[in-house]
Amino acid sequence: MPMTRSLLPTDRRRPAGILLVAAILFAMPLAVGTARGEEKVRQVLPGAPAAEAPQQLARVKAPDQSEIERFCSNIADAARDRRYALQAEELKQLQTGIDQRMKALDEKKAEYETWLKRREVFLARAEDGVVQIYAGMKPDAAAERLAIVNADLAAAILMKLDSRKAGVILNEMDQKAAATLTGIMASAARRVDPS
């Protein structure tokens, strides 16, 4: 005869309690997950890529101070060398820029010196002939012409003329023009550069 077991009143409560505990345990992860917003319901369609598994956080052991110091000491020389290399490269670029500017400055200086020599030669040739022309003119006509000419050139011509002839020409000139020419001649006669 098969053995049947009679259910005692305490045995009848046990399946209901087990079911209640199982339901609570099953519902807890769902309630906790949705409360935190960690789990999202995702619908997977046929032919779609498989859902990614949630990533597990792995505990990484924090490096202790000696490991950090060893790492820093190992890369210190390489970092210093890289910093020096960057500084050397920057210095080379600056030196190249300075060299280019110096070259341009030397070219401008040579151009200016060439122009100055041509000007001096021209003035030396022209002055003698021009001075002779103004020396032979009547003072009132010379004064009229010199008032029209560039003030620097007129002052140079007057300085080359005999002082008596230059005085008579200045006497015939307009007061403003004579004052301008006298100022230029006085500054040119200085031995020291006023600037």
N, C-alpha and C. Protein backbone atom coordinates (compact mmCIF):
# COMPACT_ATOMS: atom_id res chain seq x y z
N MET A 1 0.81 -1.14 0.00
CA MET A 1 0.00 0.00 0.00
C MET A 1 0.87 1.23 0.00
N PRO A 2 0.47 2.07 -0.89
CA PRO A 2 1.29 3.27 -0.92
C PRO A 2 1.08 4.08 0.32
N MET A 3 2.09 4.67 0.55
CA MET A 3 2.05 5.40 1.80
C MET A 3 1.61 6.83 1.52
N THR A 4 0.60 7.23 2.13
CA THR A 4 0.13 8.61 2.00
C THR A 4 0.35 9.31 3.31
N ARG A 5 0.62 10.43 3.13
CA ARG A 5 0.92 11.19 4.32
C ARG A 5 -0.23 12.13 4.59
N SER A 6 -0.60 12.17 5.75
CA SER A 6 -1.68 13.08 6.09
C SER A 6 -1.10 14.46 6.34
N LEU A 7 -1.85 15.42 5.92
CA LEU A 7 -1.38 16.80 6.08
C LEU A 7 -1.80 17.32 7.44
N LEU A 8 -0.85 17.75 8.10
CA LEU A 8 -1.11 18.34 9.41
C LEU A 8 -1.42 19.82 9.21
N PRO A 9 -2.09 20.42 10.17
CA PRO A 9 -2.39 21.84 10.00
C PRO A 9 -1.14 22.70 9.80
N THR A 10 0.00 22.35 10.35
CA THR A 10 1.22 23.14 10.16
C THR A 10 1.77 22.92 8.77
N ASP A 11 1.55 21.71 8.19
CA ASP A 11 2.03 21.44 6.85
C ASP A 11 1.24 22.20 5.81
N ARG A 12 -0.02 22.45 6.09
CA ARG A 12 -0.84 23.19 5.13
C ARG A 12 -0.39 24.65 5.01
N ARG A 13 0.11 25.20 6.03
CA ARG A 13 0.56 26.60 6.00
C ARG A 13 1.90 26.75 5.32
N ARG A 14 2.65 25.73 5.32
CA ARG A 14 4.00 25.82 4.79
C ARG A 14 4.02 26.15 3.30
N PRO A 15 3.23 25.48 2.41
CA PRO A 15 3.28 25.86 1.01
C PRO A 15 2.84 27.29 0.78
N ALA A 16 1.89 27.77 1.50
CA ALA A 16 1.44 29.16 1.33
C ALA A 16 2.54 30.11 1.77
N GLY A 17 3.24 29.81 2.81
CA GLY A 17 4.34 30.66 3.29
C GLY A 17 5.51 30.64 2.33
N ILE A 18 5.77 29.46 1.78
CA ILE A 18 6.85 29.35 0.82
C ILE A 18 6.53 30.15 -0.42
N LEU A 19 5.29 30.05 -0.86
CA LEU A 19 4.88 30.83 -2.04
C LEU A 19 4.96 32.33 -1.77
N LEU A 20 4.58 32.73 -0.57
CA LEU A 20 4.64 34.15 -0.22
C LEU A 20 6.09 34.64 -0.19
N VAL A 21 6.96 33.87 0.41
CA VAL A 21 8.38 34.24 0.47
C VAL A 21 8.98 34.28 -0.93
N ALA A 22 8.63 33.28 -1.77
CA ALA A 22 9.15 33.25 -3.14
C ALA A 22 8.67 34.45 -3.92
N ALA A 23 7.42 34.83 -3.76
CA ALA A 23 6.88 35.99 -4.48
C ALA A 23 7.58 37.26 -4.03
N ILE A 24 7.83 37.39 -2.74
CA ILE A 24 8.53 38.58 -2.23
C ILE A 24 9.96 38.63 -2.76
N LEU A 25 10.64 37.50 -2.72
CA LEU A 25 12.02 37.46 -3.22
C LEU A 25 12.07 37.74 -4.72
N PHE A 26 11.08 37.27 -5.45
CA PHE A 26 11.04 37.52 -6.89
C PHE A 26 10.76 38.99 -7.19
N ALA A 27 9.91 39.60 -6.42
CA ALA A 27 9.50 40.99 -6.66
C ALA A 27 10.55 41.98 -6.18
N MET A 28 11.38 41.63 -5.20
CA MET A 28 12.37 42.57 -4.66
C MET A 28 13.36 43.07 -5.70
N PRO A 29 13.99 42.20 -6.49
CA PRO A 29 14.93 42.75 -7.47
C PRO A 29 14.25 43.65 -8.48
N LEU A 30 13.02 43.32 -8.85
CA LEU A 30 12.33 44.18 -9.82
C LEU A 30 12.04 45.54 -9.22
N ALA A 31 11.59 45.55 -7.98
CA ALA A 31 11.24 46.81 -7.32
C ALA A 31 12.49 47.64 -7.08
N VAL A 32 13.56 47.00 -6.64
CA VAL A 32 14.80 47.74 -6.38
C VAL A 32 15.39 48.24 -7.67
N GLY A 33 15.41 47.44 -8.73
CA GLY A 33 15.98 47.85 -10.01
C GLY A 33 15.24 49.00 -10.63
N THR A 34 13.90 48.96 -10.57
CA THR A 34 13.14 50.05 -11.18
C THR A 34 13.19 51.29 -10.32
N ALA A 35 13.35 51.13 -9.02
CA ALA A 35 13.43 52.30 -8.14
C ALA A 35 14.72 53.06 -8.43
N ARG A 36 15.79 52.36 -8.70
CA ARG A 36 17.06 53.02 -8.99
C ARG A 36 17.13 53.49 -10.43
N GLY A 37 16.35 52.96 -11.29
CA GLY A 37 16.39 53.33 -12.70
C GLY A 37 17.53 52.65 -13.43
N GLU A 38 18.05 51.56 -12.84
CA GLU A 38 19.19 50.90 -13.45
C GLU A 38 18.77 50.01 -14.61
N GLU A 39 17.67 49.31 -14.46
CA GLU A 39 17.27 48.37 -15.50
C GLU A 39 16.25 49.03 -16.41
N LYS A 40 16.45 48.83 -17.67
CA LYS A 40 15.50 49.36 -18.64
C LYS A 40 14.92 48.17 -19.39
N VAL A 41 13.66 48.23 -19.66
CA VAL A 41 13.01 47.17 -20.41
C VAL A 41 13.35 47.41 -21.88
N ARG A 42 13.85 46.38 -22.51
CA ARG A 42 14.24 46.50 -23.89
C ARG A 42 13.56 45.44 -24.70
N GLN A 43 12.97 45.82 -25.77
CA GLN A 43 12.27 44.87 -26.62
C GLN A 43 13.26 44.37 -27.67
N VAL A 44 13.35 43.07 -27.80
CA VAL A 44 14.27 42.48 -28.76
C VAL A 44 13.44 41.93 -29.91
N LEU A 45 13.70 42.42 -31.08
CA LEU A 45 12.97 41.99 -32.26
C LEU A 45 13.74 40.86 -32.95
N PRO A 46 13.04 40.05 -33.70
CA PRO A 46 13.75 38.98 -34.40
C PRO A 46 14.73 39.58 -35.41
N GLY A 47 15.93 39.07 -35.43
CA GLY A 47 16.95 39.54 -36.36
C GLY A 47 17.74 40.73 -35.82
N ALA A 48 17.36 41.25 -34.67
CA ALA A 48 18.07 42.38 -34.07
C ALA A 48 19.28 41.85 -33.33
N PRO A 49 20.28 42.71 -33.12
CA PRO A 49 21.45 42.25 -32.36
C PRO A 49 21.06 41.91 -30.93
N ALA A 50 21.80 41.01 -30.36
CA ALA A 50 21.49 40.56 -29.00
C ALA A 50 21.71 41.70 -28.03
N ALA A 51 20.95 41.68 -26.98
CA ALA A 51 21.07 42.73 -25.95
C ALA A 51 22.40 42.58 -25.26
N GLU A 52 22.98 43.72 -24.94
CA GLU A 52 24.26 43.70 -24.26
C GLU A 52 24.05 43.32 -22.81
N ALA A 53 24.99 42.57 -22.31
CA ALA A 53 24.90 42.19 -20.91
C ALA A 53 25.29 43.40 -20.07
N PRO A 54 24.62 43.58 -18.95
CA PRO A 54 24.98 44.72 -18.10
C PRO A 54 26.42 44.56 -17.64
N GLN A 55 27.09 45.69 -17.60
CA GLN A 55 28.50 45.65 -17.23
C GLN A 55 28.63 45.48 -15.72
N GLN A 56 29.54 44.63 -15.39
CA GLN A 56 29.80 44.39 -13.98
C GLN A 56 30.94 45.31 -13.54
N LEU A 57 30.73 45.95 -12.44
CA LEU A 57 31.77 46.82 -11.91
C LEU A 57 32.82 45.95 -11.22
N ALA A 58 34.03 46.15 -11.63
CA ALA A 58 35.10 45.38 -11.01
C ALA A 58 35.83 46.30 -10.04
N ARG A 59 36.15 45.76 -8.94
CA ARG A 59 36.89 46.57 -7.97
C ARG A 59 38.35 46.58 -8.38
N VAL A 60 38.85 47.79 -8.55
CA VAL A 60 40.25 47.94 -8.90
C VAL A 60 40.99 48.37 -7.66
N LYS A 61 42.04 47.68 -7.41
CA LYS A 61 42.81 48.00 -6.23
C LYS A 61 43.52 49.33 -6.46
N ALA A 62 43.36 50.25 -5.56
CA ALA A 62 44.02 51.55 -5.68
C ALA A 62 45.52 51.35 -5.53
N PRO A 63 46.28 52.00 -6.44
CA PRO A 63 47.73 51.82 -6.32
C PRO A 63 48.23 52.49 -5.05
N ASP A 64 49.17 51.83 -4.42
CA ASP A 64 49.70 52.44 -3.22
C ASP A 64 50.76 53.49 -3.58
N GLN A 65 51.20 54.23 -2.62
CA GLN A 65 52.08 55.38 -2.87
C GLN A 65 53.40 54.97 -3.50
N SER A 66 53.94 53.82 -3.15
CA SER A 66 55.23 53.41 -3.70
C SER A 66 55.11 53.12 -5.20
N GLU A 67 53.98 52.57 -5.64
CA GLU A 67 53.79 52.32 -7.07
C GLU A 67 53.71 53.63 -7.83
N ILE A 68 53.03 54.60 -7.27
CA ILE A 68 52.92 55.91 -7.91
C ILE A 68 54.29 56.57 -8.00
N GLU A 69 55.04 56.52 -6.94
CA GLU A 69 56.38 57.11 -6.94
C GLU A 69 57.28 56.42 -7.94
N ARG A 70 57.22 55.09 -8.03
CA ARG A 70 58.03 54.37 -9.01
C ARG A 70 57.65 54.77 -10.43
N PHE A 71 56.34 54.88 -10.70
CA PHE A 71 55.87 55.27 -12.03
C PHE A 71 56.37 56.67 -12.38
N CYS A 72 56.22 57.59 -11.43
CA CYS A 72 56.65 58.98 -11.68
C CYS A 72 58.16 59.04 -11.89
N SER A 73 58.91 58.30 -11.10
CA SER A 73 60.37 58.34 -11.26
C SER A 73 60.79 57.68 -12.57
N ASN A 74 60.02 56.69 -13.04
CA ASN A 74 60.35 56.03 -14.30
C ASN A 74 60.11 56.95 -15.50
N ILE A 75 59.08 57.77 -15.45
CA ILE A 75 58.78 58.63 -16.60
C ILE A 75 59.36 60.04 -16.46
N ALA A 76 59.98 60.35 -15.34
CA ALA A 76 60.50 61.72 -15.12
C ALA A 76 61.55 62.08 -16.15
N ASP A 77 62.49 61.19 -16.43
CA ASP A 77 63.53 61.49 -17.41
C ASP A 77 62.96 61.67 -18.80
N ALA A 78 62.02 60.83 -19.18
CA ALA A 78 61.41 60.95 -20.51
C ALA A 78 60.62 62.25 -20.62
N ALA A 79 59.91 62.62 -19.56
CA ALA A 79 59.13 63.87 -19.58
C ALA A 79 60.07 65.07 -19.65
N ARG A 80 61.16 65.02 -18.90
CA ARG A 80 62.13 66.12 -18.92
C ARG A 80 62.76 66.24 -20.31
N ASP A 81 63.12 65.10 -20.90
CA ASP A 81 63.70 65.12 -22.24
C ASP A 81 62.71 65.68 -23.26
N ARG A 82 61.46 65.31 -23.15
CA ARG A 82 60.44 65.82 -24.07
C ARG A 82 60.25 67.33 -23.89
N ARG A 83 60.25 67.77 -22.65
CA ARG A 83 60.10 69.20 -22.38
C ARG A 83 61.30 69.96 -22.95
N TYR A 84 62.50 69.44 -22.78
CA TYR A 84 63.69 70.09 -23.34
C TYR A 84 63.64 70.10 -24.86
N ALA A 85 63.17 69.01 -25.45
CA ALA A 85 63.06 68.95 -26.92
C ALA A 85 62.07 69.98 -27.43
N LEU A 86 60.93 70.13 -26.74
CA LEU A 86 59.94 71.14 -27.14
C LEU A 86 60.51 72.55 -27.00
N GLN A 87 61.23 72.79 -25.92
CA GLN A 87 61.83 74.11 -25.72
C GLN A 87 62.90 74.38 -26.78
N ALA A 88 63.69 73.36 -27.11
CA ALA A 88 64.72 73.53 -28.14
C ALA A 88 64.09 73.82 -29.49
N GLU A 89 62.98 73.14 -29.80
CA GLU A 89 62.28 73.38 -31.07
C GLU A 89 61.73 74.80 -31.12
N GLU A 90 61.17 75.24 -30.00
CA GLU A 90 60.63 76.62 -29.94
C GLU A 90 61.75 77.64 -30.11
N LEU A 91 62.90 77.37 -29.48
CA LEU A 91 64.04 78.28 -29.62
C LEU A 91 64.55 78.32 -31.06
N LYS A 92 64.55 77.16 -31.73
CA LYS A 92 64.97 77.14 -33.13
C LYS A 92 64.04 77.96 -34.00
N GLN A 93 62.72 77.86 -33.74
CA GLN A 93 61.76 78.65 -34.51
C GLN A 93 61.96 80.13 -34.26
N LEU A 94 62.18 80.50 -33.00
CA LEU A 94 62.43 81.91 -32.68
C LEU A 94 63.70 82.40 -33.35
N GLN A 95 64.74 81.57 -33.32
CA GLN A 95 66.01 81.96 -33.94
C GLN A 95 65.85 82.13 -35.45
N THR A 96 65.06 81.26 -36.07
CA THR A 96 64.80 81.38 -37.51
C THR A 96 64.08 82.70 -37.80
N GLY A 97 63.09 83.04 -36.98
CA GLY A 97 62.38 84.30 -37.16
C GLY A 97 63.30 85.50 -36.99
N ILE A 98 64.18 85.44 -36.00
CA ILE A 98 65.12 86.54 -35.77
C ILE A 98 66.09 86.64 -36.94
N ASP A 99 66.57 85.51 -37.43
CA ASP A 99 67.49 85.53 -38.58
C ASP A 99 66.84 86.15 -39.81
N GLN A 100 65.57 85.80 -40.04
CA GLN A 100 64.86 86.38 -41.19
C GLN A 100 64.70 87.88 -41.03
N ARG A 101 64.37 88.33 -39.84
CA ARG A 101 64.22 89.77 -39.60
C ARG A 101 65.55 90.49 -39.74
N MET A 102 66.62 89.87 -39.24
CA MET A 102 67.95 90.48 -39.37
C MET A 102 68.35 90.59 -40.84
N LYS A 103 68.05 89.57 -41.61
CA LYS A 103 68.36 89.59 -43.03
C LYS A 103 67.59 90.71 -43.73
N ALA A 104 66.29 90.84 -43.42
CA ALA A 104 65.48 91.92 -44.01
C ALA A 104 66.01 93.28 -43.59
N LEU A 105 66.43 93.39 -42.33
CA LEU A 105 66.98 94.66 -41.84
C LEU A 105 68.30 94.99 -42.54
N ASP A 106 69.14 94.00 -42.75
CA ASP A 106 70.40 94.23 -43.46
C ASP A 106 70.14 94.66 -44.91
N GLU A 107 69.14 94.05 -45.55
CA GLU A 107 68.80 94.43 -46.92
C GLU A 107 68.32 95.88 -46.97
N LYS A 108 67.47 96.27 -46.01
CA LYS A 108 66.98 97.65 -45.96
C LYS A 108 68.13 98.61 -45.68
N LYS A 109 69.04 98.22 -44.82
CA LYS A 109 70.18 99.08 -44.49
C LYS A 109 71.05 99.28 -45.73
N ALA A 110 71.32 98.19 -46.46
CA ALA A 110 72.13 98.30 -47.67
C ALA A 110 71.42 99.16 -48.71
N GLU A 111 70.10 99.00 -48.83
CA GLU A 111 69.32 99.81 -49.77
C GLU A 111 69.39 101.29 -49.39
N TYR A 112 69.27 101.58 -48.10
CA TYR A 112 69.32 102.96 -47.64
C TYR A 112 70.70 103.56 -47.87
N GLU A 113 71.75 102.78 -47.58
CA GLU A 113 73.11 103.30 -47.79
C GLU A 113 73.38 103.58 -49.26
N THR A 114 72.87 102.72 -50.15
CA THR A 114 73.02 102.95 -51.59
C THR A 114 72.31 104.22 -52.00
N TRP A 115 71.09 104.39 -51.52
CA TRP A 115 70.33 105.59 -51.84
C TRP A 115 71.02 106.84 -51.31
N LEU A 116 71.56 106.76 -50.11
CA LEU A 116 72.24 107.91 -49.50
C LEU A 116 73.49 108.28 -50.29
N LYS A 117 74.23 107.29 -50.76
CA LYS A 117 75.44 107.58 -51.56
C LYS A 117 75.05 108.25 -52.88
N ARG A 118 74.02 107.73 -53.53
CA ARG A 118 73.57 108.34 -54.79
C ARG A 118 73.12 109.78 -54.56
N ARG A 119 72.43 110.01 -53.46
CA ARG A 119 71.95 111.35 -53.15
C ARG A 119 73.12 112.30 -52.91
N GLU A 120 74.11 111.84 -52.16
CA GLU A 120 75.27 112.68 -51.88
C GLU A 120 76.05 113.02 -53.15
N VAL A 121 76.19 112.01 -54.01
CA VAL A 121 76.89 112.25 -55.28
C VAL A 121 76.12 113.26 -56.12
N PHE A 122 74.81 113.06 -56.21
CA PHE A 122 73.98 113.97 -56.99
C PHE A 122 74.05 115.40 -56.43
N LEU A 123 73.93 115.53 -55.13
CA LEU A 123 73.98 116.86 -54.52
C LEU A 123 75.35 117.51 -54.72
N ALA A 124 76.39 116.72 -54.64
CA ALA A 124 77.73 117.29 -54.84
C ALA A 124 77.89 117.81 -56.27
N ARG A 125 77.36 117.05 -57.25
CA ARG A 125 77.46 117.50 -58.64
C ARG A 125 76.57 118.71 -58.90
N ALA A 126 75.33 118.62 -58.41
CA ALA A 126 74.35 119.65 -58.72
C ALA A 126 74.63 120.94 -57.96
N GLU A 127 75.12 120.84 -56.76
CA GLU A 127 75.28 122.02 -55.94
C GLU A 127 76.25 123.02 -56.55
N ASP A 128 77.36 122.50 -57.04
CA ASP A 128 78.35 123.43 -57.58
C ASP A 128 77.78 124.22 -58.75
N GLY A 129 77.11 123.54 -59.65
CA GLY A 129 76.53 124.24 -60.81
C GLY A 129 75.40 125.16 -60.40
N VAL A 130 74.55 124.69 -59.51
CA VAL A 130 73.40 125.48 -59.07
C VAL A 130 73.87 126.69 -58.27
N VAL A 131 74.86 126.50 -57.42
CA VAL A 131 75.38 127.61 -56.63
C VAL A 131 75.94 128.69 -57.56
N GLN A 132 76.64 128.28 -58.59
CA GLN A 132 77.20 129.26 -59.55
C GLN A 132 76.09 130.03 -60.25
N ILE A 133 75.00 129.33 -60.58
CA ILE A 133 73.86 129.99 -61.24
C ILE A 133 73.26 131.05 -60.33
N TYR A 134 72.99 130.67 -59.05
CA TYR A 134 72.38 131.62 -58.13
C TYR A 134 73.36 132.74 -57.76
N ALA A 135 74.64 132.48 -57.80
CA ALA A 135 75.63 133.52 -57.50
C ALA A 135 75.62 134.59 -58.59
N GLY A 136 75.31 134.19 -59.83
CA GLY A 136 75.30 135.15 -60.94
C GLY A 136 73.98 135.88 -61.08
N MET A 137 72.94 135.47 -60.39
CA MET A 137 71.62 136.11 -60.50
C MET A 137 71.55 137.39 -59.66
N LYS A 138 70.60 138.24 -60.02
CA LYS A 138 70.33 139.43 -59.22
C LYS A 138 69.69 138.96 -57.91
N PRO A 139 69.93 139.63 -56.79
CA PRO A 139 69.42 139.18 -55.49
C PRO A 139 67.90 139.07 -55.43
N ASP A 140 67.16 139.99 -56.03
CA ASP A 140 65.70 139.90 -55.95
C ASP A 140 65.17 138.72 -56.75
N ALA A 141 65.76 138.41 -57.91
CA ALA A 141 65.34 137.25 -58.71
C ALA A 141 65.72 135.95 -58.02
N ALA A 142 66.93 135.91 -57.44
CA ALA A 142 67.37 134.71 -56.71
C ALA A 142 66.47 134.45 -55.51
N ALA A 143 66.07 135.52 -54.80
CA ALA A 143 65.20 135.38 -53.64
C ALA A 143 63.85 134.82 -54.06
N GLU A 144 63.33 135.32 -55.17
CA GLU A 144 62.03 134.85 -55.67
C GLU A 144 62.09 133.37 -56.02
N ARG A 145 63.17 132.95 -56.68
CA ARG A 145 63.31 131.54 -57.10
C ARG A 145 63.54 130.62 -55.89
N LEU A 146 64.36 131.04 -54.96
CA LEU A 146 64.67 130.20 -53.79
C LEU A 146 63.46 130.04 -52.88
N ALA A 147 62.54 130.99 -52.91
CA ALA A 147 61.33 130.87 -52.10
C ALA A 147 60.44 129.74 -52.61
N ILE A 148 60.54 129.42 -53.92
CA ILE A 148 59.73 128.38 -54.52
C ILE A 148 60.36 127.00 -54.34
N VAL A 149 61.69 126.94 -54.31
CA VAL A 149 62.45 125.68 -54.24
C VAL A 149 62.27 125.05 -52.85
N ASN A 150 62.52 123.74 -52.79
CA ASN A 150 62.51 123.01 -51.52
C ASN A 150 63.37 123.75 -50.50
N ALA A 151 62.88 123.85 -49.26
CA ALA A 151 63.57 124.64 -48.23
C ALA A 151 64.95 124.08 -47.92
N ASP A 152 65.12 122.77 -47.87
CA ASP A 152 66.44 122.19 -47.59
C ASP A 152 67.44 122.53 -48.69
N LEU A 153 67.00 122.41 -49.93
CA LEU A 153 67.88 122.72 -51.06
C LEU A 153 68.22 124.20 -51.09
N ALA A 154 67.24 125.05 -50.83
CA ALA A 154 67.49 126.49 -50.82
C ALA A 154 68.48 126.86 -49.73
N ALA A 155 68.34 126.22 -48.55
CA ALA A 155 69.28 126.50 -47.46
C ALA A 155 70.68 126.03 -47.83
N ALA A 156 70.79 124.87 -48.48
CA ALA A 156 72.11 124.37 -48.89
C ALA A 156 72.75 125.32 -49.89
N ILE A 157 71.96 125.83 -50.83
CA ILE A 157 72.49 126.76 -51.83
C ILE A 157 72.97 128.03 -51.15
N LEU A 158 72.18 128.57 -50.22
CA LEU A 158 72.56 129.80 -49.53
C LEU A 158 73.82 129.61 -48.69
N MET A 159 73.98 128.40 -48.14
CA MET A 159 75.19 128.15 -47.34
C MET A 159 76.44 128.10 -48.21
N LYS A 160 76.31 127.67 -49.46
CA LYS A 160 77.45 127.59 -50.37
C LYS A 160 77.80 128.96 -50.96
N LEU A 161 76.84 129.85 -50.98
CA LEU A 161 77.09 131.17 -51.55
C LEU A 161 77.97 131.98 -50.61
N ASP A 162 78.52 133.04 -51.17
CA ASP A 162 79.27 134.00 -50.38
C ASP A 162 78.32 134.59 -49.35
N SER A 163 78.79 134.83 -48.14
CA SER A 163 77.90 135.28 -47.07
C SER A 163 77.25 136.63 -47.38
N ARG A 164 77.96 137.53 -48.08
CA ARG A 164 77.36 138.81 -48.46
C ARG A 164 76.22 138.61 -49.44
N LYS A 165 76.45 137.78 -50.44
CA LYS A 165 75.43 137.52 -51.47
C LYS A 165 74.23 136.83 -50.82
N ALA A 166 74.46 135.86 -49.92
CA ALA A 166 73.38 135.14 -49.23
C ALA A 166 72.58 136.10 -48.36
N GLY A 167 73.26 137.04 -47.70
CA GLY A 167 72.56 138.02 -46.86
C GLY A 167 71.65 138.91 -47.68
N VAL A 168 72.10 139.34 -48.85
CA VAL A 168 71.29 140.22 -49.71
C VAL A 168 70.08 139.44 -50.23
N ILE A 169 70.27 138.17 -50.60
CA ILE A 169 69.15 137.35 -51.10
C ILE A 169 68.12 137.14 -49.99
N LEU A 170 68.57 136.83 -48.76
CA LEU A 170 67.65 136.65 -47.63
C LEU A 170 66.90 137.95 -47.33
N ASN A 171 67.57 139.09 -47.53
CA ASN A 171 66.93 140.38 -47.29
C ASN A 171 65.79 140.62 -48.28
N GLU A 172 65.92 140.09 -49.48
CA GLU A 172 64.90 140.28 -50.51
C GLU A 172 63.74 139.28 -50.36
N MET A 173 63.89 138.25 -49.55
CA MET A 173 62.87 137.20 -49.41
C MET A 173 61.75 137.62 -48.48
N ASP A 174 60.66 136.85 -48.57
CA ASP A 174 59.54 136.99 -47.63
C ASP A 174 60.05 136.63 -46.24
N GLN A 175 59.45 137.23 -45.21
CA GLN A 175 59.94 137.03 -43.85
C GLN A 175 59.82 135.57 -43.40
N LYS A 176 58.71 134.92 -43.70
CA LYS A 176 58.51 133.53 -43.27
C LYS A 176 59.50 132.59 -43.96
N ALA A 177 59.69 132.76 -45.26
CA ALA A 177 60.61 131.91 -46.00
C ALA A 177 62.04 132.14 -45.52
N ALA A 178 62.41 133.41 -45.27
CA ALA A 178 63.76 133.71 -44.78
C ALA A 178 63.98 133.10 -43.40
N ALA A 179 62.95 133.15 -42.53
CA ALA A 179 63.08 132.57 -41.19
C ALA A 179 63.24 131.05 -41.27
N THR A 180 62.48 130.41 -42.15
CA THR A 180 62.58 128.95 -42.31
C THR A 180 63.98 128.56 -42.79
N LEU A 181 64.47 129.27 -43.81
CA LEU A 181 65.81 128.95 -44.35
C LEU A 181 66.89 129.22 -43.32
N THR A 182 66.76 130.29 -42.55
CA THR A 182 67.76 130.60 -41.53
C THR A 182 67.77 129.51 -40.46
N GLY A 183 66.60 129.02 -40.07
CA GLY A 183 66.54 127.94 -39.08
C GLY A 183 67.20 126.67 -39.58
N ILE A 184 66.97 126.34 -40.84
CA ILE A 184 67.58 125.13 -41.43
C ILE A 184 69.10 125.28 -41.49
N MET A 185 69.56 126.47 -41.90
CA MET A 185 71.02 126.69 -41.99
C MET A 185 71.66 126.65 -40.61
N ALA A 186 70.99 127.18 -39.60
CA ALA A 186 71.54 127.16 -38.25
C ALA A 186 71.63 125.74 -37.70
N SER A 187 70.61 124.94 -37.96
CA SER A 187 70.65 123.55 -37.47
C SER A 187 71.67 122.72 -38.23
N ALA A 188 71.90 123.03 -39.50
CA ALA A 188 72.90 122.29 -40.28
C ALA A 188 74.31 122.66 -39.85
N ALA A 189 74.49 123.85 -39.33
CA ALA A 189 75.81 124.29 -38.91
C ALA A 189 76.23 123.71 -37.56
N ARG A 190 75.32 123.12 -36.83
CA ARG A 190 75.66 122.52 -35.52
C ARG A 190 76.59 121.35 -35.71
N ARG A 191 77.49 121.20 -34.80
CA ARG A 191 78.43 120.08 -34.86
C ARG A 191 77.83 118.81 -34.27
N VAL A 192 76.91 118.95 -33.30
CA VAL A 192 76.29 117.80 -32.63
C VAL A 192 74.88 117.62 -33.15
N ASP A 193 74.48 116.36 -33.36
CA ASP A 193 73.13 116.07 -33.84
C ASP A 193 72.14 116.41 -32.72
N PRO A 194 71.13 117.28 -33.01
CA PRO A 194 70.21 117.71 -31.96
C PRO A 194 69.28 116.60 -31.48
N SER A 195 69.06 115.59 -32.25
CA SER A 195 68.17 114.52 -31.82
C SER A 195 68.94 113.58 -30.96
